[in-house]
Amino acid sequence: MADCLFCKIIAGDIPSAKVYEDEYCYAFRDIAPQAPTHILVVSKEHVQNVKEAAELSDAALAAIIRAIGKIAEQEKLEKGFRVVTNCGPDACQSVNHLHFHILGGRQMADQMA
């Protein structure tokens, strides 16, 4: 999509601090990190959110999950990490493009909300 921030980042039109890329996803450091390690893993195919993830191939979905594990290992998050995806306005999804947040490098709060 021409006006999608993440599509522009994937295309290289907007710079990012890339940490991982494969055929199906692109991962980069968040510009406003909420933890010492905060990486966004973005589907290369534009779908708005996890509700539309069924539009992706099984290979694409599996690749995204595998990428999260590879990135966590690469970032040395041995003690643990959190993976979050927001879906829709009530969840404060700020970019309508499927993406997952990898948060780590510190003890996370016991409660999610």
PDB file of N, CA and C in Angstrom:
ATOM      1  N   MET A   1       0.846  -1.186   0.000  1.00  0.00           N
ATOM      2  CA  MET A   1       0.000   0.000   0.000  1.00  0.00           C
ATOM      3  C   MET A   1       0.882   1.237   0.000  1.00  0.00           C
ATOM      4  N   ALA A   2       0.564   2.158  -0.852  1.00  0.00           N
ATOM      5  CA  ALA A   2       1.394   3.338  -1.054  1.00  0.00           C
ATOM      6  C   ALA A   2       1.506   4.232   0.179  1.00  0.00           C
ATOM      7  N   ASP A   3       0.473   4.294   1.002  1.00  0.00           N
ATOM      8  CA  ASP A   3       0.498   5.200   2.143  1.00  0.00           C
ATOM      9  C   ASP A   3       0.815   4.505   3.472  1.00  0.00           C
ATOM     10  N   CYS A   4       1.199   3.241   3.442  1.00  0.00           N
ATOM     11  CA  CYS A   4       1.469   2.488   4.662  1.00  0.00           C
ATOM     12  C   CYS A   4       2.919   2.699   5.111  1.00  0.00           C
ATOM     13  N   LEU A   5       3.082   3.142   6.356  1.00  0.00           N
ATOM     14  CA  LEU A   5       4.410   3.386   6.915  1.00  0.00           C
ATOM     15  C   LEU A   5       5.302   2.150   6.823  1.00  0.00           C
ATOM     16  N   PHE A   6       4.778   0.979   7.226  1.00  0.00           N
ATOM     17  CA  PHE A   6       5.608  -0.220   7.225  1.00  0.00           C
ATOM     18  C   PHE A   6       5.914  -0.693   5.811  1.00  0.00           C
ATOM     19  N   CYS A   7       5.001  -0.526   4.881  1.00  0.00           N
ATOM     20  CA  CYS A   7       5.292  -0.863   3.480  1.00  0.00           C
ATOM     21  C   CYS A   7       6.432   0.010   2.956  1.00  0.00           C
ATOM     22  N   LYS A   8       6.446   1.284   3.349  1.00  0.00           N
ATOM     23  CA  LYS A   8       7.522   2.190   2.941  1.00  0.00           C
ATOM     24  C   LYS A   8       8.857   1.790   3.560  1.00  0.00           C
ATOM     25  N   ILE A   9       8.823   1.342   4.808  1.00  0.00           N
ATOM     26  CA  ILE A   9      10.055   0.878   5.463  1.00  0.00           C
ATOM     27  C   ILE A   9      10.576  -0.374   4.765  1.00  0.00           C
ATOM     28  N   ILE A  10       9.696  -1.336   4.487  1.00  0.00           N
ATOM     29  CA  ILE A  10      10.101  -2.569   3.799  1.00  0.00           C
ATOM     30  C   ILE A  10      10.695  -2.260   2.433  1.00  0.00           C
ATOM     31  N   ALA A  11      10.103  -1.301   1.720  1.00  0.00           N
ATOM     32  CA  ALA A  11      10.577  -0.926   0.385  1.00  0.00           C
ATOM     33  C   ALA A  11      11.886  -0.141   0.425  1.00  0.00           C
ATOM     34  N   GLY A  12      12.293   0.313   1.614  1.00  0.00           N
ATOM     35  CA  GLY A  12      13.516   1.096   1.733  1.00  0.00           C
ATOM     36  C   GLY A  12      13.310   2.576   1.519  1.00  0.00           C
ATOM     37  N   ASP A  13      12.064   3.010   1.404  1.00  0.00           N
ATOM     38  CA  ASP A  13      11.762   4.431   1.207  1.00  0.00           C
ATOM     39  C   ASP A  13      11.940   5.230   2.494  1.00  0.00           C
ATOM     40  N   ILE A  14      11.807   4.556   3.626  1.00  0.00           N
ATOM     41  CA  ILE A  14      12.020   5.161   4.942  1.00  0.00           C
ATOM     42  C   ILE A  14      13.098   4.327   5.626  1.00  0.00           C
ATOM     43  N   PRO A  15      14.137   4.985   6.163  1.00  0.00           N
ATOM     44  CA  PRO A  15      15.214   4.215   6.797  1.00  0.00           C
ATOM     45  C   PRO A  15      14.750   3.530   8.079  1.00  0.00           C
ATOM     46  N   SER A  16      15.412   2.416   8.384  1.00  0.00           N
ATOM     47  CA  SER A  16      15.143   1.677   9.612  1.00  0.00           C
ATOM     48  C   SER A  16      16.422   0.980  10.049  1.00  0.00           C
ATOM     49  N   ALA A  17      16.432   0.575  11.311  1.00  0.00           N
ATOM     50  CA  ALA A  17      17.565  -0.185  11.842  1.00  0.00           C
ATOM     51  C   ALA A  17      17.223  -1.666  11.720  1.00  0.00           C
ATOM     52  N   LYS A  18      17.483  -2.223  10.533  1.00  0.00           N
ATOM     53  CA  LYS A  18      17.137  -3.611  10.242  1.00  0.00           C
ATOM     54  C   LYS A  18      17.940  -4.567  11.102  1.00  0.00           C
ATOM     55  N   VAL A  19      17.233  -5.588  11.635  1.00  0.00           N
ATOM     56  CA  VAL A  19      17.911  -6.642  12.386  1.00  0.00           C
ATOM     57  C   VAL A  19      17.725  -8.008  11.743  1.00  0.00           C
ATOM     58  N   TYR A  20      16.729  -8.132  10.846  1.00  0.00           N
ATOM     59  CA  TYR A  20      16.456  -9.429  10.221  1.00  0.00           C
ATOM     60  C   TYR A  20      15.582  -9.202   8.990  1.00  0.00           C
ATOM     61  N   GLU A  21      15.803 -10.064   7.988  1.00  0.00           N
ATOM     62  CA  GLU A  21      14.938 -10.040   6.810  1.00  0.00           C
ATOM     63  C   GLU A  21      14.982 -11.401   6.140  1.00  0.00           C
ATOM     64  N   ASP A  22      13.829 -11.856   5.691  1.00  0.00           N
ATOM     65  CA  ASP A  22      13.755 -13.040   4.851  1.00  0.00           C
ATOM     66  C   ASP A  22      12.684 -12.795   3.797  1.00  0.00           C
ATOM     67  N   GLU A  23      12.299 -13.826   3.118  1.00  0.00           N
ATOM     68  CA  GLU A  23      11.330 -13.722   2.024  1.00  0.00           C
ATOM     69  C   GLU A  23       9.961 -13.204   2.487  1.00  0.00           C
ATOM     70  N   TYR A  24       9.616 -13.454   3.751  1.00  0.00           N
ATOM     71  CA  TYR A  24       8.268 -13.185   4.241  1.00  0.00           C
ATOM     72  C   TYR A  24       8.140 -12.038   5.237  1.00  0.00           C
ATOM     73  N   CYS A  25       9.238 -11.694   5.903  1.00  0.00           N
ATOM     74  CA  CYS A  25       9.130 -10.660   6.926  1.00  0.00           C
ATOM     75  C   CYS A  25      10.386  -9.804   6.994  1.00  0.00           C
ATOM     76  N   TYR A  26      10.206  -8.674   7.641  1.00  0.00           N
ATOM     77  CA  TYR A  26      11.266  -7.689   7.829  1.00  0.00           C
ATOM     78  C   TYR A  26      11.208  -7.266   9.294  1.00  0.00           C
ATOM     79  N   ALA A  27      12.358  -7.190   9.955  1.00  0.00           N
ATOM     80  CA  ALA A  27      12.379  -6.818  11.364  1.00  0.00           C
ATOM     81  C   ALA A  27      13.348  -5.660  11.584  1.00  0.00           C
ATOM     82  N   PHE A  28      12.931  -4.736  12.443  1.00  0.00           N
ATOM     83  CA  PHE A  28      13.738  -3.548  12.703  1.00  0.00           C
ATOM     84  C   PHE A  28      13.483  -3.046  14.126  1.00  0.00           C
ATOM     85  N   ARG A  29      14.415  -2.241  14.619  1.00  0.00           N
ATOM     86  CA  ARG A  29      14.299  -1.700  15.968  1.00  0.00           C
ATOM     87  C   ARG A  29      13.229  -0.609  16.006  1.00  0.00           C
ATOM     88  N   ASP A  30      12.418  -0.641  17.063  1.00  0.00           N
ATOM     89  CA  ASP A  30      11.374   0.363  17.256  1.00  0.00           C
ATOM     90  C   ASP A  30      12.023   1.715  17.537  1.00  0.00           C
ATOM     91  N   ILE A  31      11.484   2.786  16.973  1.00  0.00           N
ATOM     92  CA  ILE A  31      12.072   4.120  17.189  1.00  0.00           C
ATOM     93  C   ILE A  31      11.695   4.711  18.551  1.00  0.00           C
ATOM     94  N   ALA A  32      10.711   4.119  19.222  1.00  0.00           N
ATOM     95  CA  ALA A  32      10.318   4.558  20.566  1.00  0.00           C
ATOM     96  C   ALA A  32      10.252   3.321  21.467  1.00  0.00           C
ATOM     97  N   PRO A  33      11.408   2.739  21.785  1.00  0.00           N
ATOM     98  CA  PRO A  33      11.423   1.453  22.493  1.00  0.00           C
ATOM     99  C   PRO A  33      10.759   1.504  23.863  1.00  0.00           C
ATOM    100  N   GLN A  34      10.011   0.435  24.158  1.00  0.00           N
ATOM    101  CA  GLN A  34       9.339   0.272  25.443  1.00  0.00           C
ATOM    102  C   GLN A  34      10.100  -0.688  26.354  1.00  0.00           C
ATOM    103  N   ALA A  35      11.230  -1.186  25.887  1.00  0.00           N
ATOM    104  CA  ALA A  35      12.107  -2.084  26.640  1.00  0.00           C
ATOM    105  C   ALA A  35      13.506  -1.948  26.040  1.00  0.00           C
ATOM    106  N   PRO A  36      14.546  -2.404  26.759  1.00  0.00           N
ATOM    107  CA  PRO A  36      15.900  -2.305  26.193  1.00  0.00           C
ATOM    108  C   PRO A  36      16.006  -2.926  24.799  1.00  0.00           C
ATOM    109  N   THR A  37      15.314  -4.043  24.579  1.00  0.00           N
ATOM    110  CA  THR A  37      15.210  -4.623  23.245  1.00  0.00           C
ATOM    111  C   THR A  37      13.754  -4.502  22.819  1.00  0.00           C
ATOM    112  N   HIS A  38      13.524  -3.791  21.735  1.00  0.00           N
ATOM    113  CA  HIS A  38      12.164  -3.632  21.205  1.00  0.00           C
ATOM    114  C   HIS A  38      12.271  -3.655  19.687  1.00  0.00           C
ATOM    115  N   ILE A  39      11.873  -4.785  19.129  1.00  0.00           N
ATOM    116  CA  ILE A  39      11.996  -5.012  17.691  1.00  0.00           C
ATOM    117  C   ILE A  39      10.618  -5.302  17.116  1.00  0.00           C
ATOM    118  N   LEU A  40      10.347  -4.741  15.959  1.00  0.00           N
ATOM    119  CA  LEU A  40       9.100  -5.001  15.243  1.00  0.00           C
ATOM    120  C   LEU A  40       9.369  -6.007  14.136  1.00  0.00           C
ATOM    121  N   VAL A  41       8.553  -7.038  14.071  1.00  0.00           N
ATOM    122  CA  VAL A  41       8.627  -8.038  13.008  1.00  0.00           C
ATOM    123  C   VAL A  41       7.380  -7.827  12.150  1.00  0.00           C
ATOM    124  N   VAL A  42       7.598  -7.457  10.900  1.00  0.00           N
ATOM    125  CA  VAL A  42       6.534  -6.999  10.017  1.00  0.00           C
ATOM    126  C   VAL A  42       6.371  -7.960   8.844  1.00  0.00           C
ATOM    127  N   SER A  43       5.150  -8.325   8.565  1.00  0.00           N
ATOM    128  CA  SER A  43       4.868  -9.137   7.380  1.00  0.00           C
ATOM    129  C   SER A  43       5.204  -8.325   6.133  1.00  0.00           C
ATOM    130  N   LYS A  44       5.882  -8.931   5.176  1.00  0.00           N
ATOM    131  CA  LYS A  44       6.171  -8.221   3.925  1.00  0.00           C
ATOM    132  C   LYS A  44       4.918  -8.041   3.071  1.00  0.00           C
ATOM    133  N   GLU A  45       3.974  -8.937   3.238  1.00  0.00           N
ATOM    134  CA  GLU A  45       2.703  -8.787   2.533  1.00  0.00           C
ATOM    135  C   GLU A  45       1.787  -7.937   3.402  1.00  0.00           C
ATOM    136  N   HIS A  46       1.163  -6.940   2.799  1.00  0.00           N
ATOM    137  CA  HIS A  46       0.322  -6.037   3.582  1.00  0.00           C
ATOM    138  C   HIS A  46      -1.014  -6.693   3.925  1.00  0.00           C
ATOM    139  N   VAL A  47      -1.192  -6.946   5.201  1.00  0.00           N
ATOM    140  CA  VAL A  47      -2.499  -7.255   5.781  1.00  0.00           C
ATOM    141  C   VAL A  47      -2.589  -6.370   7.016  1.00  0.00           C
ATOM    142  N   GLN A  48      -3.791  -5.952   7.378  1.00  0.00           N
ATOM    143  CA  GLN A  48      -3.930  -4.943   8.428  1.00  0.00           C
ATOM    144  C   GLN A  48      -3.552  -5.416   9.816  1.00  0.00           C
ATOM    145  N   ASN A  49      -3.941  -6.628  10.169  1.00  0.00           N
ATOM    146  CA  ASN A  49      -3.707  -7.076  11.538  1.00  0.00           C
ATOM    147  C   ASN A  49      -3.885  -8.590  11.614  1.00  0.00           C
ATOM    148  N   VAL A  50      -3.843  -9.124  12.820  1.00  0.00           N
ATOM    149  CA  VAL A  50      -3.905 -10.571  13.003  1.00  0.00           C
ATOM    150  C   VAL A  50      -5.255 -11.141  12.553  1.00  0.00           C
ATOM    151  N   LYS A  51      -6.309 -10.325  12.546  1.00  0.00           N
ATOM    152  CA  LYS A  51      -7.599 -10.813  12.043  1.00  0.00           C
ATOM    153  C   LYS A  51      -7.520 -11.166  10.569  1.00  0.00           C
ATOM    154  N   GLU A  52      -6.647 -10.503   9.835  1.00  0.00           N
ATOM    155  CA  GLU A  52      -6.486 -10.762   8.410  1.00  0.00           C
ATOM    156  C   GLU A  52      -5.321 -11.705   8.110  1.00  0.00           C
ATOM    157  N   ALA A  53      -4.669 -12.208   9.135  1.00  0.00           N
ATOM    158  CA  ALA A  53      -3.495 -13.067   8.935  1.00  0.00           C
ATOM    159  C   ALA A  53      -3.822 -14.325   8.140  1.00  0.00           C
ATOM    160  N   ALA A  54      -5.086 -14.749   8.143  1.00  0.00           N
ATOM    161  CA  ALA A  54      -5.486 -15.931   7.367  1.00  0.00           C
ATOM    162  C   ALA A  54      -5.295 -15.707   5.873  1.00  0.00           C
ATOM    163  N   GLU A  55      -5.161 -14.454   5.460  1.00  0.00           N
ATOM    164  CA  GLU A  55      -4.909 -14.149   4.047  1.00  0.00           C
ATOM    165  C   GLU A  55      -3.473 -14.469   3.649  1.00  0.00           C
ATOM    166  N   LEU A  56      -2.587 -14.621   4.630  1.00  0.00           N
ATOM    167  CA  LEU A  56      -1.197 -14.969   4.352  1.00  0.00           C
ATOM    168  C   LEU A  56      -1.082 -16.478   4.154  1.00  0.00           C
ATOM    169  N   SER A  57      -0.079 -16.886   3.431  1.00  0.00           N
ATOM    170  CA  SER A  57       0.161 -18.322   3.256  1.00  0.00           C
ATOM    171  C   SER A  57       0.633 -18.929   4.572  1.00  0.00           C
ATOM    172  N   ASP A  58       0.455 -20.236   4.686  1.00  0.00           N
ATOM    173  CA  ASP A  58       0.969 -20.939   5.865  1.00  0.00           C
ATOM    174  C   ASP A  58       2.477 -20.752   5.968  1.00  0.00           C
ATOM    175  N   ALA A  59       3.159 -20.733   4.839  1.00  0.00           N
ATOM    176  CA  ALA A  59       4.613 -20.548   4.839  1.00  0.00           C
ATOM    177  C   ALA A  59       4.981 -19.173   5.396  1.00  0.00           C
ATOM    178  N   ALA A  60       4.217 -18.152   5.040  1.00  0.00           N
ATOM    179  CA  ALA A  60       4.495 -16.804   5.534  1.00  0.00           C
ATOM    180  C   ALA A  60       4.270 -16.715   7.035  1.00  0.00           C
ATOM    181  N   LEU A  61       3.172 -17.284   7.504  1.00  0.00           N
ATOM    182  CA  LEU A  61       2.889 -17.256   8.947  1.00  0.00           C
ATOM    183  C   LEU A  61       3.952 -18.013   9.732  1.00  0.00           C
ATOM    184  N   ALA A  62       4.327 -19.170   9.246  1.00  0.00           N
ATOM    185  CA  ALA A  62       5.365 -19.958   9.922  1.00  0.00           C
ATOM    186  C   ALA A  62       6.696 -19.208   9.913  1.00  0.00           C
ATOM    187  N   ALA A  63       7.017 -18.554   8.830  1.00  0.00           N
ATOM    188  CA  ALA A  63       8.276 -17.817   8.728  1.00  0.00           C
ATOM    189  C   ALA A  63       8.344 -16.680   9.733  1.00  0.00           C
ATOM    190  N   ILE A  64       7.222 -16.009   9.947  1.00  0.00           N
ATOM    191  CA  ILE A  64       7.190 -14.911  10.916  1.00  0.00           C
ATOM    192  C   ILE A  64       7.459 -15.441  12.320  1.00  0.00           C
ATOM    193  N   ILE A  65       6.813 -16.545  12.687  1.00  0.00           N
ATOM    194  CA  ILE A  65       7.023 -17.127  14.014  1.00  0.00           C
ATOM    195  C   ILE A  65       8.466 -17.610  14.165  1.00  0.00           C
ATOM    196  N   ARG A  66       8.992 -18.261  13.129  1.00  0.00           N
ATOM    197  CA  ARG A  66      10.395 -18.704  13.185  1.00  0.00           C
ATOM    198  C   ARG A  66      11.339 -17.507  13.311  1.00  0.00           C
ATOM    199  N   ALA A  67      11.035 -16.432  12.602  1.00  0.00           N
ATOM    200  CA  ALA A  67      11.880 -15.240  12.655  1.00  0.00           C
ATOM    201  C   ALA A  67      11.929 -14.675  14.067  1.00  0.00           C
ATOM    202  N   ILE A  68      10.805 -14.684  14.761  1.00  0.00           N
ATOM    203  CA  ILE A  68      10.777 -14.182  16.142  1.00  0.00           C
ATOM    204  C   ILE A  68      11.766 -14.963  17.002  1.00  0.00           C
ATOM    205  N   GLY A  69      11.774 -16.280  16.878  1.00  0.00           N
ATOM    206  CA  GLY A  69      12.717 -17.099  17.632  1.00  0.00           C
ATOM    207  C   GLY A  69      14.163 -16.816  17.253  1.00  0.00           C
ATOM    208  N   LYS A  70      14.427 -16.683  15.959  1.00  0.00           N
ATOM    209  CA  LYS A  70      15.790 -16.392  15.494  1.00  0.00           C
ATOM    210  C   LYS A  70      16.269 -15.038  16.015  1.00  0.00           C
ATOM    211  N   ILE A  71      15.378 -14.055  15.966  1.00  0.00           N
ATOM    212  CA  ILE A  71      15.748 -12.717  16.424  1.00  0.00           C
ATOM    213  C   ILE A  71      16.020 -12.722  17.924  1.00  0.00           C
ATOM    214  N   ALA A  72      15.187 -13.408  18.691  1.00  0.00           N
ATOM    215  CA  ALA A  72      15.398 -13.493  20.141  1.00  0.00           C
ATOM    216  C   ALA A  72      16.758 -14.123  20.445  1.00  0.00           C
ATOM    217  N   GLU A  73      17.117 -15.147  19.701  1.00  0.00           N
ATOM    218  CA  GLU A  73      18.431 -15.773  19.885  1.00  0.00           C
ATOM    219  C   GLU A  73      19.542 -14.805  19.488  1.00  0.00           C
ATOM    220  N   GLN A  74      19.384 -14.162  18.358  1.00  0.00           N
ATOM    221  CA  GLN A  74      20.369 -13.195  17.862  1.00  0.00           C
ATOM    222  C   GLN A  74      20.576 -12.056  18.870  1.00  0.00           C
ATOM    223  N   GLU A  75      19.488 -11.637  19.522  1.00  0.00           N
ATOM    224  CA  GLU A  75      19.547 -10.535  20.481  1.00  0.00           C
ATOM    225  C   GLU A  75      19.916 -10.995  21.896  1.00  0.00           C
ATOM    226  N   LYS A  76      20.178 -12.306  22.033  1.00  0.00           N
ATOM    227  CA  LYS A  76      20.595 -12.896  23.310  1.00  0.00           C
ATOM    228  C   LYS A  76      19.560 -12.679  24.422  1.00  0.00           C
ATOM    229  N   LEU A  77      18.308 -12.951  24.097  1.00  0.00           N
ATOM    230  CA  LEU A  77      17.221 -12.819  25.069  1.00  0.00           C
ATOM    231  C   LEU A  77      16.970 -14.156  25.763  1.00  0.00           C
ATOM    232  N   GLU A  78      18.055 -14.770  26.259  1.00  0.00           N
ATOM    233  CA  GLU A  78      17.974 -16.099  26.871  1.00  0.00           C
ATOM    234  C   GLU A  78      17.063 -16.150  28.083  1.00  0.00           C
ATOM    235  N   LYS A  79      16.964 -15.059  28.834  1.00  0.00           N
ATOM    236  CA  LYS A  79      16.158 -15.055  30.057  1.00  0.00           C
ATOM    237  C   LYS A  79      14.670 -14.878  29.764  1.00  0.00           C
ATOM    238  N   GLY A  80      14.336 -14.576  28.527  1.00  0.00           N
ATOM    239  CA  GLY A  80      12.931 -14.440  28.151  1.00  0.00           C
ATOM    240  C   GLY A  80      12.629 -13.158  27.409  1.00  0.00           C
ATOM    241  N   PHE A  81      11.468 -13.153  26.815  1.00  0.00           N
ATOM    242  CA  PHE A  81      11.006 -11.994  26.067  1.00  0.00           C
ATOM    243  C   PHE A  81       9.501 -12.090  25.916  1.00  0.00           C
ATOM    244  N   ARG A  82       8.892 -10.996  25.512  1.00  0.00           N
ATOM    245  CA  ARG A  82       7.452 -10.942  25.299  1.00  0.00           C
ATOM    246  C   ARG A  82       7.200 -10.635  23.827  1.00  0.00           C
ATOM    247  N   VAL A  83       6.167 -11.287  23.260  1.00  0.00           N
ATOM    248  CA  VAL A  83       5.748 -11.030  21.882  1.00  0.00           C
ATOM    249  C   VAL A  83       4.320 -10.518  21.950  1.00  0.00           C
ATOM    250  N   VAL A  84       4.077  -9.352  21.314  1.00  0.00           N
ATOM    251  CA  VAL A  84       2.770  -8.710  21.371  1.00  0.00           C
ATOM    252  C   VAL A  84       2.368  -8.264  19.976  1.00  0.00           C
ATOM    253  N   THR A  85       1.083  -8.422  19.665  1.00  0.00           N
ATOM    254  CA  THR A  85       0.526  -7.794  18.471  1.00  0.00           C
ATOM    255  C   THR A  85      -0.766  -7.104  18.879  1.00  0.00           C
ATOM    256  N   ASN A  86      -0.940  -5.887  18.415  1.00  0.00           N
ATOM    257  CA  ASN A  86      -2.151  -5.138  18.691  1.00  0.00           C
ATOM    258  C   ASN A  86      -3.088  -5.273  17.500  1.00  0.00           C
ATOM    259  N   CYS A  87      -4.376  -5.304  17.783  1.00  0.00           N
ATOM    260  CA  CYS A  87      -5.358  -5.524  16.724  1.00  0.00           C
ATOM    261  C   CYS A  87      -6.515  -4.545  16.891  1.00  0.00           C
ATOM    262  N   GLY A  88      -6.503  -3.483  16.091  1.00  0.00           N
ATOM    263  CA  GLY A  88      -7.597  -2.527  16.096  1.00  0.00           C
ATOM    264  C   GLY A  88      -7.403  -1.365  17.048  1.00  0.00           C
ATOM    265  N   PRO A  89      -8.319  -0.402  16.964  1.00  0.00           N
ATOM    266  CA  PRO A  89      -8.180   0.836  17.746  1.00  0.00           C
ATOM    267  C   PRO A  89      -8.250   0.636  19.255  1.00  0.00           C
ATOM    268  N   ASP A  90      -9.080  -0.268  19.757  1.00  0.00           N
ATOM    269  CA  ASP A  90      -9.155  -0.477  21.207  1.00  0.00           C
ATOM    270  C   ASP A  90      -7.864  -1.059  21.768  1.00  0.00           C
ATOM    271  N   ALA A  91      -7.082  -1.711  20.933  1.00  0.00           N
ATOM    272  CA  ALA A  91      -5.789  -2.255  21.350  1.00  0.00           C
ATOM    273  C   ALA A  91      -4.650  -1.274  21.073  1.00  0.00           C
ATOM    274  N   CYS A  92      -4.994  -0.086  20.578  1.00  0.00           N
ATOM    275  CA  CYS A  92      -4.020   0.968  20.257  1.00  0.00           C
ATOM    276  C   CYS A  92      -3.081   0.572  19.119  1.00  0.00           C
ATOM    277  N   GLN A  93      -3.608  -0.149  18.128  1.00  0.00           N
ATOM    278  CA  GLN A  93      -2.798  -0.456  16.948  1.00  0.00           C
ATOM    279  C   GLN A  93      -2.562   0.850  16.209  1.00  0.00           C
ATOM    280  N   SER A  94      -1.313   1.271  16.127  1.00  0.00           N
ATOM    281  CA  SER A  94      -0.997   2.580  15.549  1.00  0.00           C
ATOM    282  C   SER A  94      -0.659   2.515  14.058  1.00  0.00           C
ATOM    283  N   VAL A  95      -0.230   1.356  13.574  1.00  0.00           N
ATOM    284  CA  VAL A  95       0.044   1.175  12.144  1.00  0.00           C
ATOM    285  C   VAL A  95      -0.774  -0.028  11.696  1.00  0.00           C
ATOM    286  N   ASN A  96      -1.643   0.194  10.729  1.00  0.00           N
ATOM    287  CA  ASN A  96      -2.527  -0.877  10.249  1.00  0.00           C
ATOM    288  C   ASN A  96      -1.816  -1.771   9.247  1.00  0.00           C
ATOM    289  N   HIS A  97      -0.842  -2.495   9.750  1.00  0.00           N
ATOM    290  CA  HIS A  97      -0.047  -3.454   8.985  1.00  0.00           C
ATOM    291  C   HIS A  97       0.385  -4.501  10.004  1.00  0.00           C
ATOM    292  N   LEU A  98       0.140  -5.771   9.726  1.00  0.00           N
ATOM    293  CA  LEU A  98       0.452  -6.838  10.683  1.00  0.00           C
ATOM    294  C   LEU A  98       1.906  -6.760  11.134  1.00  0.00           C
ATOM    295  N   HIS A  99       2.075  -6.675  12.443  1.00  0.00           N
ATOM    296  CA  HIS A  99       3.418  -6.661  13.016  1.00  0.00           C
ATOM    297  C   HIS A  99       3.371  -7.183  14.440  1.00  0.00           C
ATOM    298  N   PHE A 100       4.518  -7.703  14.867  1.00  0.00           N
ATOM    299  CA  PHE A 100       4.680  -8.246  16.196  1.00  0.00           C
ATOM    300  C   PHE A 100       5.812  -7.499  16.890  1.00  0.00           C
ATOM    301  N   HIS A 101       5.604  -7.166  18.149  1.00  0.00           N
ATOM    302  CA  HIS A 101       6.630  -6.521  18.963  1.00  0.00           C
ATOM    303  C   HIS A 101       7.371  -7.603  19.742  1.00  0.00           C
ATOM    304  N   ILE A 102       8.688  -7.598  19.674  1.00  0.00           N
ATOM    305  CA  ILE A 102       9.522  -8.427  20.543  1.00  0.00           C
ATOM    306  C   ILE A 102      10.074  -7.477  21.597  1.00  0.00           C
ATOM    307  N   LEU A 103       9.746  -7.744  22.850  1.00  0.00           N
ATOM    308  CA  LEU A 103      10.184  -6.901  23.964  1.00  0.00           C
ATOM    309  C   LEU A 103      11.014  -7.743  24.913  1.00  0.00           C
ATOM    310  N   GLY A 104      12.186  -7.270  25.270  1.00  0.00           N
ATOM    311  CA  GLY A 104      13.037  -8.028  26.178  1.00  0.00           C
ATOM    312  C   GLY A 104      14.159  -7.185  26.726  1.00  0.00           C
ATOM    313  N   GLY A 105      15.066  -7.855  27.426  1.00  0.00           N
ATOM    314  CA  GLY A 105      16.212  -7.171  28.004  1.00  0.00           C
ATOM    315  C   GLY A 105      15.968  -6.665  29.412  1.00  0.00           C
ATOM    316  N   ARG A 106      14.799  -6.959  29.966  1.00  0.00           N
ATOM    317  CA  ARG A 106      14.482  -6.598  31.349  1.00  0.00           C
ATOM    318  C   ARG A 106      13.344  -7.482  31.839  1.00  0.00           C
ATOM    319  N   GLN A 107      13.118  -7.464  33.128  1.00  0.00           N
ATOM    320  CA  GLN A 107      11.981  -8.182  33.710  1.00  0.00           C
ATOM    321  C   GLN A 107      10.695  -7.476  33.285  1.00  0.00           C
ATOM    322  N   MET A 108       9.781  -8.216  32.690  1.00  0.00           N
ATOM    323  CA  MET A 108       8.497  -7.651  32.297  1.00  0.00           C
ATOM    324  C   MET A 108       7.552  -7.605  33.490  1.00  0.00           C
ATOM    325  N   ALA A 109       6.572  -6.735  33.411  1.00  0.00           N
ATOM    326  CA  ALA A 109       5.543  -6.668  34.450  1.00  0.00           C
ATOM    327  C   ALA A 109       4.781  -7.994  34.488  1.00  0.00           C
ATOM    328  N   ASP A 110       4.352  -8.370  35.669  1.00  0.00           N
ATOM    329  CA  ASP A 110       3.633  -9.624  35.840  1.00  0.00           C
ATOM    330  C   ASP A 110       2.290  -9.595  35.128  1.00  0.00           C
ATOM    331  N   GLN A 111       1.645  -8.448  35.082  1.00  0.00           N
ATOM    332  CA  GLN A 111       0.357  -8.322  34.405  1.00  0.00           C
ATOM    333  C   GLN A 111       0.550  -7.642  33.060  1.00  0.00           C
ATOM    334  N   MET A 112      -0.263  -8.024  32.106  1.00  0.00           N
ATOM    335  CA  MET A 112      -0.143  -7.468  30.754  1.00  0.00           C
ATOM    336  C   MET A 112      -0.814  -6.104  30.634  1.00  0.00           C
ATOM    337  N   ALA A 113      -1.844  -5.843  31.399  1.00  0.00           N
ATOM    338  CA  ALA A 113      -2.572  -4.576  31.250  1.00  0.00           C
ATOM    339  C   ALA A 113      -2.270  -3.622  32.373  1.00  0.00           C
TER     340      ALA A 113
END
